[in-house]
């Protein structure tokens, strides 16, 4: 997983307009047990990747055309090595801070 960001050209983040890339991994199952029981949660997952861009236009223009498209395709090719796409969810979202934060 640590090599994944290196699978595309060195300037891929700039080409794709990526402001921030975050990998989130669950803490051990035993530590999550109480929360899972309270929420009647699903089975543990491997992790979540967050890719932060400024707006939908960035995705439309930089991820789907030119050099940005080539960089994105490099990431997709590498993901074949570790992402189970039949069990994965991918979506665009907009953050709405409800409590705290900025």
PDB file of N, CA and C in Angstrom:
ATOM      1  N   UNK A   1       0.825  -1.200   0.000  1.00  0.00           N
ATOM      2  CA  UNK A   1       0.000   0.000   0.000  1.00  0.00           C
ATOM      3  C   UNK A   1       0.863   1.255   0.000  1.00  0.00           C
ATOM      4  N   UNK A   2       2.002   1.221   0.689  1.00  0.00           N
ATOM      5  CA  UNK A   2       2.863   2.401   0.742  1.00  0.00           C
ATOM      6  C   UNK A   2       3.417   2.782  -0.620  1.00  0.00           C
ATOM      7  N   UNK A   3       3.485   1.819  -1.529  1.00  0.00           N
ATOM      8  CA  UNK A   3       4.022   2.087  -2.856  1.00  0.00           C
ATOM      9  C   UNK A   3       2.981   2.667  -3.812  1.00  0.00           C
ATOM     10  N   UNK A   4       1.706   2.550  -3.467  1.00  0.00           N
ATOM     11  CA  UNK A   4       0.648   2.976  -4.380  1.00  0.00           C
ATOM     12  C   UNK A   4       0.775   4.426  -4.828  1.00  0.00           C
ATOM     13  N   UNK A   5       1.013   5.381  -3.932  1.00  0.00           N
ATOM     14  CA  UNK A   5       1.142   6.762  -4.418  1.00  0.00           C
ATOM     15  C   UNK A   5       2.307   6.943  -5.394  1.00  0.00           C
ATOM     16  N   UNK A   6       3.243   6.017  -5.402  1.00  0.00           N
ATOM     17  CA  UNK A   6       4.399   6.118  -6.293  1.00  0.00           C
ATOM     18  C   UNK A   6       4.155   5.444  -7.638  1.00  0.00           C
ATOM     19  N   UNK A   7       2.974   4.882  -7.853  1.00  0.00           N
ATOM     20  CA  UNK A   7       2.700   4.135  -9.073  1.00  0.00           C
ATOM     21  C   UNK A   7       2.421   5.029 -10.280  1.00  0.00           C
ATOM     22  N   UNK A   8       2.214   6.287 -10.051  1.00  0.00           N
ATOM     23  CA  UNK A   8       1.938   7.244 -11.129  1.00  0.00           C
ATOM     24  C   UNK A   8       3.129   8.199 -11.262  1.00  0.00           C
ATOM     25  N   UNK A   9       3.109   9.053 -12.260  1.00  0.00           N
ATOM     26  CA  UNK A   9       4.202  10.015 -12.427  1.00  0.00           C
ATOM     27  C   UNK A   9       4.414  10.864 -11.173  1.00  0.00           C
ATOM     28  N   UNK A  10       5.623  11.334 -10.984  1.00  0.00           N
ATOM     29  CA  UNK A  10       6.010  12.111  -9.795  1.00  0.00           C
ATOM     30  C   UNK A  10       5.082  13.317  -9.577  1.00  0.00           C
ATOM     31  N   UNK A  11       4.603  13.921 -10.632  1.00  0.00           N
ATOM     32  CA  UNK A  11       3.752  15.110 -10.520  1.00  0.00           C
ATOM     33  C   UNK A  11       2.262  14.781 -10.624  1.00  0.00           C
ATOM     34  N   UNK A  12       1.882  13.527 -10.328  1.00  0.00           N
ATOM     35  CA  UNK A  12       0.485  13.098 -10.468  1.00  0.00           C
ATOM     36  C   UNK A  12      -0.464  13.926  -9.610  1.00  0.00           C
ATOM     37  N   UNK A  13      -0.079  14.229  -8.386  1.00  0.00           N
ATOM     38  CA  UNK A  13      -0.958  15.018  -7.513  1.00  0.00           C
ATOM     39  C   UNK A  13      -1.257  16.376  -8.138  1.00  0.00           C
ATOM     40  N   UNK A  14      -0.254  16.994  -8.693  1.00  0.00           N
ATOM     41  CA  UNK A  14      -0.453  18.291  -9.351  1.00  0.00           C
ATOM     42  C   UNK A  14      -1.315  18.127 -10.599  1.00  0.00           C
ATOM     43  N   UNK A  15      -1.022  17.114 -11.412  1.00  0.00           N
ATOM     44  CA  UNK A  15      -1.804  16.881 -12.631  1.00  0.00           C
ATOM     45  C   UNK A  15      -3.282  16.651 -12.329  1.00  0.00           C
ATOM     46  N   UNK A  16      -3.562  16.001 -11.197  1.00  0.00           N
ATOM     47  CA  UNK A  16      -4.938  15.660 -10.833  1.00  0.00           C
ATOM     48  C   UNK A  16      -5.585  16.676  -9.895  1.00  0.00           C
ATOM     49  N   UNK A  17      -4.855  17.690  -9.491  1.00  0.00           N
ATOM     50  CA  UNK A  17      -5.406  18.703  -8.596  1.00  0.00           C
ATOM     51  C   UNK A  17      -5.663  18.168  -7.198  1.00  0.00           C
ATOM     52  N   UNK A  18      -4.874  17.181  -6.761  1.00  0.00           N
ATOM     53  CA  UNK A  18      -5.070  16.585  -5.447  1.00  0.00           C
ATOM     54  C   UNK A  18      -4.443  17.476  -4.377  1.00  0.00           C
ATOM     55  N   UNK A  19      -5.265  17.907  -3.421  1.00  0.00           N
ATOM     56  CA  UNK A  19      -4.790  18.714  -2.293  1.00  0.00           C
ATOM     57  C   UNK A  19      -4.306  17.848  -1.146  1.00  0.00           C
ATOM     58  N   UNK A  20      -4.975  16.698  -0.951  1.00  0.00           N
ATOM     59  CA  UNK A  20      -4.629  15.840   0.173  1.00  0.00           C
ATOM     60  C   UNK A  20      -5.037  14.409  -0.169  1.00  0.00           C
ATOM     61  N   UNK A  21      -4.189  13.456   0.251  1.00  0.00           N
ATOM     62  CA  UNK A  21      -4.484  12.034   0.084  1.00  0.00           C
ATOM     63  C   UNK A  21      -4.315  11.388   1.450  1.00  0.00           C
ATOM     64  N   UNK A  22      -5.383  10.757   1.957  1.00  0.00           N
ATOM     65  CA  UNK A  22      -5.384  10.185   3.298  1.00  0.00           C
ATOM     66  C   UNK A  22      -5.765   8.712   3.204  1.00  0.00           C
ATOM     67  N   UNK A  23      -5.019   7.872   3.901  1.00  0.00           N
ATOM     68  CA  UNK A  23      -5.397   6.467   4.056  1.00  0.00           C
ATOM     69  C   UNK A  23      -5.849   6.282   5.499  1.00  0.00           C
ATOM     70  N   UNK A  24      -7.039   5.695   5.690  1.00  0.00           N
ATOM     71  CA  UNK A  24      -7.610   5.481   7.017  1.00  0.00           C
ATOM     72  C   UNK A  24      -7.770   3.974   7.227  1.00  0.00           C
ATOM     73  N   UNK A  25      -7.185   3.475   8.303  1.00  0.00           N
ATOM     74  CA  UNK A  25      -7.256   2.044   8.605  1.00  0.00           C
ATOM     75  C   UNK A  25      -7.932   1.841   9.949  1.00  0.00           C
ATOM     76  N   UNK A  26      -8.771   0.808  10.069  1.00  0.00           N
ATOM     77  CA  UNK A  26      -9.433   0.557  11.354  1.00  0.00           C
ATOM     78  C   UNK A  26      -8.432   0.095  12.408  1.00  0.00           C
ATOM     79  N   UNK A  27      -8.745   0.434  13.649  1.00  0.00           N
ATOM     80  CA  UNK A  27      -7.944  -0.089  14.749  1.00  0.00           C
ATOM     81  C   UNK A  27      -8.345  -1.556  14.929  1.00  0.00           C
ATOM     82  N   UNK A  28      -7.628  -2.332  15.727  1.00  0.00           N
ATOM     83  CA  UNK A  28      -7.931  -3.766  15.852  1.00  0.00           C
ATOM     84  C   UNK A  28      -9.396  -4.051  16.187  1.00  0.00           C
ATOM     85  N   UNK A  29      -9.893  -5.168  15.649  1.00  0.00           N
ATOM     86  CA  UNK A  29     -11.293  -5.576  15.814  1.00  0.00           C
ATOM     87  C   UNK A  29     -11.713  -5.588  17.278  1.00  0.00           C
ATOM     88  N   UNK A  30     -10.868  -6.102  18.162  1.00  0.00           N
ATOM     89  CA  UNK A  30     -11.200  -6.174  19.587  1.00  0.00           C
ATOM     90  C   UNK A  30     -11.483  -4.773  20.140  1.00  0.00           C
ATOM     91  N   UNK A  31     -10.724  -3.783  19.702  1.00  0.00           N
ATOM     92  CA  UNK A  31     -10.925  -2.412  20.167  1.00  0.00           C
ATOM     93  C   UNK A  31     -12.200  -1.789  19.594  1.00  0.00           C
ATOM     94  N   UNK A  32     -12.642  -2.274  18.451  1.00  0.00           N
ATOM     95  CA  UNK A  32     -13.860  -1.765  17.813  1.00  0.00           C
ATOM     96  C   UNK A  32     -15.116  -2.519  18.234  1.00  0.00           C
ATOM     97  N   UNK A  33     -14.969  -3.566  19.003  1.00  0.00           N
ATOM     98  CA  UNK A  33     -16.073  -4.465  19.322  1.00  0.00           C
ATOM     99  C   UNK A  33     -17.283  -3.750  19.920  1.00  0.00           C
ATOM    100  N   UNK A  34     -17.077  -2.880  20.909  1.00  0.00           N
ATOM    101  CA  UNK A  34     -18.208  -2.206  21.554  1.00  0.00           C
ATOM    102  C   UNK A  34     -18.971  -1.313  20.592  1.00  0.00           C
ATOM    103  N   UNK A  35     -18.257  -0.578  19.786  1.00  0.00           N
ATOM    104  CA  UNK A  35     -18.927   0.303  18.825  1.00  0.00           C
ATOM    105  C   UNK A  35     -19.702  -0.535  17.813  1.00  0.00           C
ATOM    106  N   UNK A  36     -19.093  -1.605  17.359  1.00  0.00           N
ATOM    107  CA  UNK A  36     -19.748  -2.484  16.393  1.00  0.00           C
ATOM    108  C   UNK A  36     -21.032  -3.071  16.974  1.00  0.00           C
ATOM    109  N   UNK A  37     -21.000  -3.485  18.237  1.00  0.00           N
ATOM    110  CA  UNK A  37     -22.191  -4.057  18.884  1.00  0.00           C
ATOM    111  C   UNK A  37     -23.290  -3.013  19.051  1.00  0.00           C
ATOM    112  N   UNK A  38     -22.933  -1.802  19.463  1.00  0.00           N
ATOM    113  CA  UNK A  38     -23.914  -0.728  19.649  1.00  0.00           C
ATOM    114  C   UNK A  38     -24.607  -0.390  18.333  1.00  0.00           C
ATOM    115  N   UNK A  39     -23.823  -0.319  17.270  1.00  0.00           N
ATOM    116  CA  UNK A  39     -24.350   0.086  15.966  1.00  0.00           C
ATOM    117  C   UNK A  39     -24.816  -1.089  15.125  1.00  0.00           C
ATOM    118  N   UNK A  40     -24.654  -2.317  15.625  1.00  0.00           N
ATOM    119  CA  UNK A  40     -24.953  -3.516  14.849  1.00  0.00           C
ATOM    120  C   UNK A  40     -24.238  -3.430  13.509  1.00  0.00           C
ATOM    121  N   UNK A  41     -22.936  -3.113  13.588  1.00  0.00           N
ATOM    122  CA  UNK A  41     -22.138  -2.830  12.403  1.00  0.00           C
ATOM    123  C   UNK A  41     -21.779  -4.041  11.570  1.00  0.00           C
ATOM    124  N   UNK A  42     -21.373  -3.751  10.377  1.00  0.00           N
ATOM    125  CA  UNK A  42     -20.951  -4.772   9.426  1.00  0.00           C
ATOM    126  C   UNK A  42     -19.564  -5.283   9.794  1.00  0.00           C
ATOM    127  N   UNK A  43     -19.124  -6.297   9.071  1.00  0.00           N
ATOM    128  CA  UNK A  43     -17.794  -6.847   9.307  1.00  0.00           C
ATOM    129  C   UNK A  43     -16.721  -5.791   9.081  1.00  0.00           C
ATOM    130  N   UNK A  44     -15.573  -6.048   9.669  1.00  0.00           N
ATOM    131  CA  UNK A  44     -14.444  -5.136   9.550  1.00  0.00           C
ATOM    132  C   UNK A  44     -14.049  -4.967   8.087  1.00  0.00           C
ATOM    133  N   UNK A  45     -13.502  -3.826   7.782  1.00  0.00           N
ATOM    134  CA  UNK A  45     -13.040  -3.528   6.431  1.00  0.00           C
ATOM    135  C   UNK A  45     -11.543  -3.243   6.478  1.00  0.00           C
ATOM    136  N   UNK A  46     -10.926  -3.217   5.314  1.00  0.00           N
ATOM    137  CA  UNK A  46      -9.479  -3.001   5.240  1.00  0.00           C
ATOM    138  C   UNK A  46      -9.072  -1.545   5.411  1.00  0.00           C
ATOM    139  N   UNK A  47      -9.844  -0.644   4.871  1.00  0.00           N
ATOM    140  CA  UNK A  47      -9.482   0.754   4.982  1.00  0.00           C
ATOM    141  C   UNK A  47     -10.275   1.629   4.034  1.00  0.00           C
ATOM    142  N   UNK A  48     -10.001   2.922   4.117  1.00  0.00           N
ATOM    143  CA  UNK A  48     -10.648   3.930   3.290  1.00  0.00           C
ATOM    144  C   UNK A  48      -9.566   4.854   2.754  1.00  0.00           C
ATOM    145  N   UNK A  49      -9.701   5.235   1.514  1.00  0.00           N
ATOM    146  CA  UNK A  49      -8.803   6.236   0.944  1.00  0.00           C
ATOM    147  C   UNK A  49      -9.621   7.492   0.670  1.00  0.00           C
ATOM    148  N   UNK A  50      -9.101   8.619   1.096  1.00  0.00           N
ATOM    149  CA  UNK A  50      -9.740   9.914   0.832  1.00  0.00           C
ATOM    150  C   UNK A  50      -8.826  10.697  -0.093  1.00  0.00           C
ATOM    151  N   UNK A  51      -9.380  11.167  -1.177  1.00  0.00           N
ATOM    152  CA  UNK A  51      -8.635  12.029  -2.097  1.00  0.00           C
ATOM    153  C   UNK A  51      -9.352  13.363  -2.123  1.00  0.00           C
ATOM    154  N   UNK A  52      -8.659  14.398  -1.696  1.00  0.00           N
ATOM    155  CA  UNK A  52      -9.251  15.729  -1.580  1.00  0.00           C
ATOM    156  C   UNK A  52      -8.905  16.565  -2.808  1.00  0.00           C
ATOM    157  N   UNK A  53      -9.955  17.064  -3.481  1.00  0.00           N
ATOM    158  CA  UNK A  53      -9.799  18.015  -4.581  1.00  0.00           C
ATOM    159  C   UNK A  53     -10.698  19.213  -4.280  1.00  0.00           C
ATOM    160  N   UNK A  54     -10.472  20.308  -4.973  1.00  0.00           N
ATOM    161  CA  UNK A  54     -11.198  21.535  -4.660  1.00  0.00           C
ATOM    162  C   UNK A  54     -12.657  21.546  -5.112  1.00  0.00           C
ATOM    163  N   UNK A  55     -12.941  20.927  -6.257  1.00  0.00           N
ATOM    164  CA  UNK A  55     -14.303  21.014  -6.775  1.00  0.00           C
ATOM    165  C   UNK A  55     -14.538  19.949  -7.844  1.00  0.00           C
ATOM    166  N   UNK A  56     -15.781  19.788  -8.239  1.00  0.00           N
ATOM    167  CA  UNK A  56     -16.148  18.795  -9.247  1.00  0.00           C
ATOM    168  C   UNK A  56     -15.492  19.108 -10.590  1.00  0.00           C
ATOM    169  N   UNK A  57     -15.307  20.364 -10.890  1.00  0.00           N
ATOM    170  CA  UNK A  57     -14.662  20.753 -12.148  1.00  0.00           C
ATOM    171  C   UNK A  57     -13.241  20.191 -12.236  1.00  0.00           C
ATOM    172  N   UNK A  58     -12.540  20.152 -11.106  1.00  0.00           N
ATOM    173  CA  UNK A  58     -11.194  19.572 -11.082  1.00  0.00           C
ATOM    174  C   UNK A  58     -11.247  18.123 -11.538  1.00  0.00           C
ATOM    175  N   UNK A  59     -12.207  17.362 -11.017  1.00  0.00           N
ATOM    176  CA  UNK A  59     -12.355  15.961 -11.425  1.00  0.00           C
ATOM    177  C   UNK A  59     -12.680  15.876 -12.907  1.00  0.00           C
ATOM    178  N   UNK A  60     -13.637  16.661 -13.345  1.00  0.00           N
ATOM    179  CA  UNK A  60     -14.098  16.602 -14.727  1.00  0.00           C
ATOM    180  C   UNK A  60     -12.999  16.970 -15.718  1.00  0.00           C
ATOM    181  N   UNK A  61     -12.216  17.981 -15.395  1.00  0.00           N
ATOM    182  CA  UNK A  61     -11.216  18.440 -16.354  1.00  0.00           C
ATOM    183  C   UNK A  61      -9.862  17.753 -16.208  1.00  0.00           C
ATOM    184  N   UNK A  62      -9.413  17.542 -14.987  1.00  0.00           N
ATOM    185  CA  UNK A  62      -8.061  17.011 -14.796  1.00  0.00           C
ATOM    186  C   UNK A  62      -7.996  15.488 -14.764  1.00  0.00           C
ATOM    187  N   UNK A  63      -9.030  14.820 -14.281  1.00  0.00           N
ATOM    188  CA  UNK A  63      -8.992  13.367 -14.137  1.00  0.00           C
ATOM    189  C   UNK A  63      -9.414  12.645 -15.413  1.00  0.00           C
ATOM    190  N   UNK A  64     -10.096  13.337 -16.304  1.00  0.00           N
ATOM    191  CA  UNK A  64     -10.683  12.664 -17.460  1.00  0.00           C
ATOM    192  C   UNK A  64     -10.051  13.041 -18.790  1.00  0.00           C
ATOM    193  N   UNK A  65      -9.019  13.897 -18.744  1.00  0.00           N
ATOM    194  CA  UNK A  65      -8.396  14.330 -19.994  1.00  0.00           C
ATOM    195  C   UNK A  65      -6.882  14.441 -19.841  1.00  0.00           C
ATOM    196  N   UNK A  66      -6.198  14.376 -20.946  1.00  0.00           N
ATOM    197  CA  UNK A  66      -4.770  14.662 -21.019  1.00  0.00           C
ATOM    198  C   UNK A  66      -3.875  13.885 -20.076  1.00  0.00           C
ATOM    199  N   UNK A  67      -2.852  14.583 -19.568  1.00  0.00           N
ATOM    200  CA  UNK A  67      -1.852  13.972 -18.686  1.00  0.00           C
ATOM    201  C   UNK A  67      -2.462  13.510 -17.362  1.00  0.00           C
ATOM    202  N   UNK A  68      -3.469  14.229 -16.875  1.00  0.00           N
ATOM    203  CA  UNK A  68      -4.137  13.820 -15.652  1.00  0.00           C
ATOM    204  C   UNK A  68      -4.817  12.471 -15.819  1.00  0.00           C
ATOM    205  N   UNK A  69      -5.451  12.265 -16.957  1.00  0.00           N
ATOM    206  CA  UNK A  69      -6.105  10.981 -17.230  1.00  0.00           C
ATOM    207  C   UNK A  69      -5.074   9.854 -17.240  1.00  0.00           C
ATOM    208  N   UNK A  70      -3.928  10.105 -17.837  1.00  0.00           N
ATOM    209  CA  UNK A  70      -2.866   9.091 -17.873  1.00  0.00           C
ATOM    210  C   UNK A  70      -2.375   8.769 -16.463  1.00  0.00           C
ATOM    211  N   UNK A  71      -2.219   9.788 -15.626  1.00  0.00           N
ATOM    212  CA  UNK A  71      -1.782   9.572 -14.244  1.00  0.00           C
ATOM    213  C   UNK A  71      -2.827   8.767 -13.482  1.00  0.00           C
ATOM    214  N   UNK A  72      -4.094   9.121 -13.645  1.00  0.00           N
ATOM    215  CA  UNK A  72      -5.185   8.398 -12.980  1.00  0.00           C
ATOM    216  C   UNK A  72      -5.209   6.937 -13.424  1.00  0.00           C
ATOM    217  N   UNK A  73      -5.025   6.699 -14.700  1.00  0.00           N
ATOM    218  CA  UNK A  73      -5.001   5.330 -15.217  1.00  0.00           C
ATOM    219  C   UNK A  73      -3.843   4.530 -14.617  1.00  0.00           C
ATOM    220  N   UNK A  74      -2.719   5.193 -14.328  1.00  0.00           N
ATOM    221  CA  UNK A  74      -1.597   4.519 -13.658  1.00  0.00           C
ATOM    222  C   UNK A  74      -2.014   4.044 -12.274  1.00  0.00           C
ATOM    223  N   UNK A  75      -2.741   4.894 -11.545  1.00  0.00           N
ATOM    224  CA  UNK A  75      -3.243   4.494 -10.227  1.00  0.00           C
ATOM    225  C   UNK A  75      -4.208   3.312 -10.352  1.00  0.00           C
ATOM    226  N   UNK A  76      -5.126   3.391 -11.313  1.00  0.00           N
ATOM    227  CA  UNK A  76      -6.103   2.322 -11.493  1.00  0.00           C
ATOM    228  C   UNK A  76      -5.421   0.990 -11.806  1.00  0.00           C
ATOM    229  N   UNK A  77      -4.411   1.030 -12.629  1.00  0.00           N
ATOM    230  CA  UNK A  77      -3.683  -0.190 -12.971  1.00  0.00           C
ATOM    231  C   UNK A  77      -3.030  -0.790 -11.729  1.00  0.00           C
ATOM    232  N   UNK A  78      -2.432   0.042 -10.899  1.00  0.00           N
ATOM    233  CA  UNK A  78      -1.794  -0.439  -9.674  1.00  0.00           C
ATOM    234  C   UNK A  78      -2.825  -0.983  -8.693  1.00  0.00           C
ATOM    235  N   UNK A  79      -4.006  -0.397  -8.644  1.00  0.00           N
ATOM    236  CA  UNK A  79      -5.041  -0.841  -7.710  1.00  0.00           C
ATOM    237  C   UNK A  79      -5.497  -2.270  -7.986  1.00  0.00           C
ATOM    238  N   UNK A  80      -5.287  -2.761  -9.188  1.00  0.00           N
ATOM    239  CA  UNK A  80      -5.618  -4.151  -9.497  1.00  0.00           C
ATOM    240  C   UNK A  80      -4.845  -5.108  -8.593  1.00  0.00           C
ATOM    241  N   UNK A  81      -3.725  -4.634  -8.026  1.00  0.00           N
ATOM    242  CA  UNK A  81      -2.889  -5.464  -7.170  1.00  0.00           C
ATOM    243  C   UNK A  81      -3.421  -5.613  -5.744  1.00  0.00           C
ATOM    244  N   UNK A  82      -4.335  -4.738  -5.319  1.00  0.00           N
ATOM    245  CA  UNK A  82      -4.757  -4.796  -3.915  1.00  0.00           C
ATOM    246  C   UNK A  82      -6.198  -4.386  -3.632  1.00  0.00           C
ATOM    247  N   UNK A  83      -6.937  -3.880  -4.592  1.00  0.00           N
ATOM    248  CA  UNK A  83      -8.326  -3.476  -4.345  1.00  0.00           C
ATOM    249  C   UNK A  83      -9.275  -4.550  -4.877  1.00  0.00           C
ATOM    250  N   UNK A  84     -10.193  -4.980  -4.039  1.00  0.00           N
ATOM    251  CA  UNK A  84     -11.246  -5.908  -4.435  1.00  0.00           C
ATOM    252  C   UNK A  84     -12.437  -5.054  -4.873  1.00  0.00           C
ATOM    253  N   UNK A  85     -12.509  -4.752  -6.166  1.00  0.00           N
ATOM    254  CA  UNK A  85     -13.514  -3.821  -6.659  1.00  0.00           C
ATOM    255  C   UNK A  85     -14.936  -4.358  -6.547  1.00  0.00           C
ATOM    256  N   UNK A  86     -15.110  -5.673  -6.434  1.00  0.00           N
ATOM    257  CA  UNK A  86     -16.455  -6.221  -6.254  1.00  0.00           C
ATOM    258  C   UNK A  86     -17.013  -5.902  -4.874  1.00  0.00           C
ATOM    259  N   UNK A  87     -16.133  -5.639  -3.905  1.00  0.00           N
ATOM    260  CA  UNK A  87     -16.567  -5.339  -2.540  1.00  0.00           C
ATOM    261  C   UNK A  87     -16.276  -3.887  -2.149  1.00  0.00           C
ATOM    262  N   UNK A  88     -15.844  -3.082  -3.096  1.00  0.00           N
ATOM    263  CA  UNK A  88     -15.464  -1.701  -2.797  1.00  0.00           C
ATOM    264  C   UNK A  88     -16.525  -0.713  -3.247  1.00  0.00           C
ATOM    265  N   UNK A  89     -16.507   0.426  -2.604  1.00  0.00           N
ATOM    266  CA  UNK A  89     -17.408   1.518  -2.950  1.00  0.00           C
ATOM    267  C   UNK A  89     -16.550   2.727  -3.303  1.00  0.00           C
ATOM    268  N   UNK A  90     -16.928   3.405  -4.346  1.00  0.00           N
ATOM    269  CA  UNK A  90     -16.201   4.601  -4.762  1.00  0.00           C
ATOM    270  C   UNK A  90     -17.241   5.669  -5.094  1.00  0.00           C
ATOM    271  N   UNK A  91     -17.042   6.883  -4.580  1.00  0.00           N
ATOM    272  CA  UNK A  91     -18.012   7.942  -4.834  1.00  0.00           C
ATOM    273  C   UNK A  91     -17.368   9.306  -4.645  1.00  0.00           C
ATOM    274  N   UNK A  92     -17.967  10.303  -5.254  1.00  0.00           N
ATOM    275  CA  UNK A  92     -17.598  11.693  -5.028  1.00  0.00           C
ATOM    276  C   UNK A  92     -18.503  12.212  -3.923  1.00  0.00           C
ATOM    277  N   UNK A  93     -17.974  13.058  -3.064  1.00  0.00           N
ATOM    278  CA  UNK A  93     -18.761  13.558  -1.941  1.00  0.00           C
ATOM    279  C   UNK A  93     -18.395  14.998  -1.642  1.00  0.00           C
ATOM    280  N   UNK A  94     -19.247  15.642  -0.889  1.00  0.00           N
ATOM    281  CA  UNK A  94     -19.007  16.997  -0.415  1.00  0.00           C
ATOM    282  C   UNK A  94     -19.096  16.987   1.097  1.00  0.00           C
ATOM    283  N   UNK A  95     -18.083  17.513   1.740  1.00  0.00           N
ATOM    284  CA  UNK A  95     -18.028  17.521   3.204  1.00  0.00           C
ATOM    285  C   UNK A  95     -18.896  18.646   3.765  1.00  0.00           C
ATOM    286  N   UNK A  96     -19.704  18.309   4.766  1.00  0.00           N
ATOM    287  CA  UNK A  96     -20.505  19.284   5.489  1.00  0.00           C
ATOM    288  C   UNK A  96     -20.167  19.144   6.963  1.00  0.00           C
ATOM    289  N   UNK A  97     -19.467  20.127   7.520  1.00  0.00           N
ATOM    290  CA  UNK A  97     -19.104  20.084   8.932  1.00  0.00           C
ATOM    291  C   UNK A  97     -20.344  20.448   9.762  1.00  0.00           C
ATOM    292  N   UNK A  98     -20.730  19.564  10.667  1.00  0.00           N
ATOM    293  CA  UNK A  98     -21.913  19.769  11.476  1.00  0.00           C
ATOM    294  C   UNK A  98     -21.533  20.236  12.880  1.00  0.00           C
ATOM    295  N   UNK A  99     -20.434  19.729  13.390  1.00  0.00           N
ATOM    296  CA  UNK A  99     -20.006  20.061  14.753  1.00  0.00           C
ATOM    297  C   UNK A  99     -18.485  20.147  14.787  1.00  0.00           C
ATOM    298  N   UNK A 100     -17.964  21.233  15.293  1.00  0.00           N
ATOM    299  CA  UNK A 100     -16.514  21.383  15.413  1.00  0.00           C
ATOM    300  C   UNK A 100     -15.842  21.595  14.082  1.00  0.00           C
ATOM    301  N   UNK A 101     -14.537  21.489  14.105  1.00  0.00           N
ATOM    302  CA  UNK A 101     -13.780  21.647  12.866  1.00  0.00           C
ATOM    303  C   UNK A 101     -13.828  23.062  12.343  1.00  0.00           C
ATOM    304  N   UNK A 102     -13.622  23.161  11.063  1.00  0.00           N
ATOM    305  CA  UNK A 102     -13.568  24.478  10.417  1.00  0.00           C
ATOM    306  C   UNK A 102     -14.794  24.743   9.606  1.00  0.00           C
TER     307      UNK A 102
END
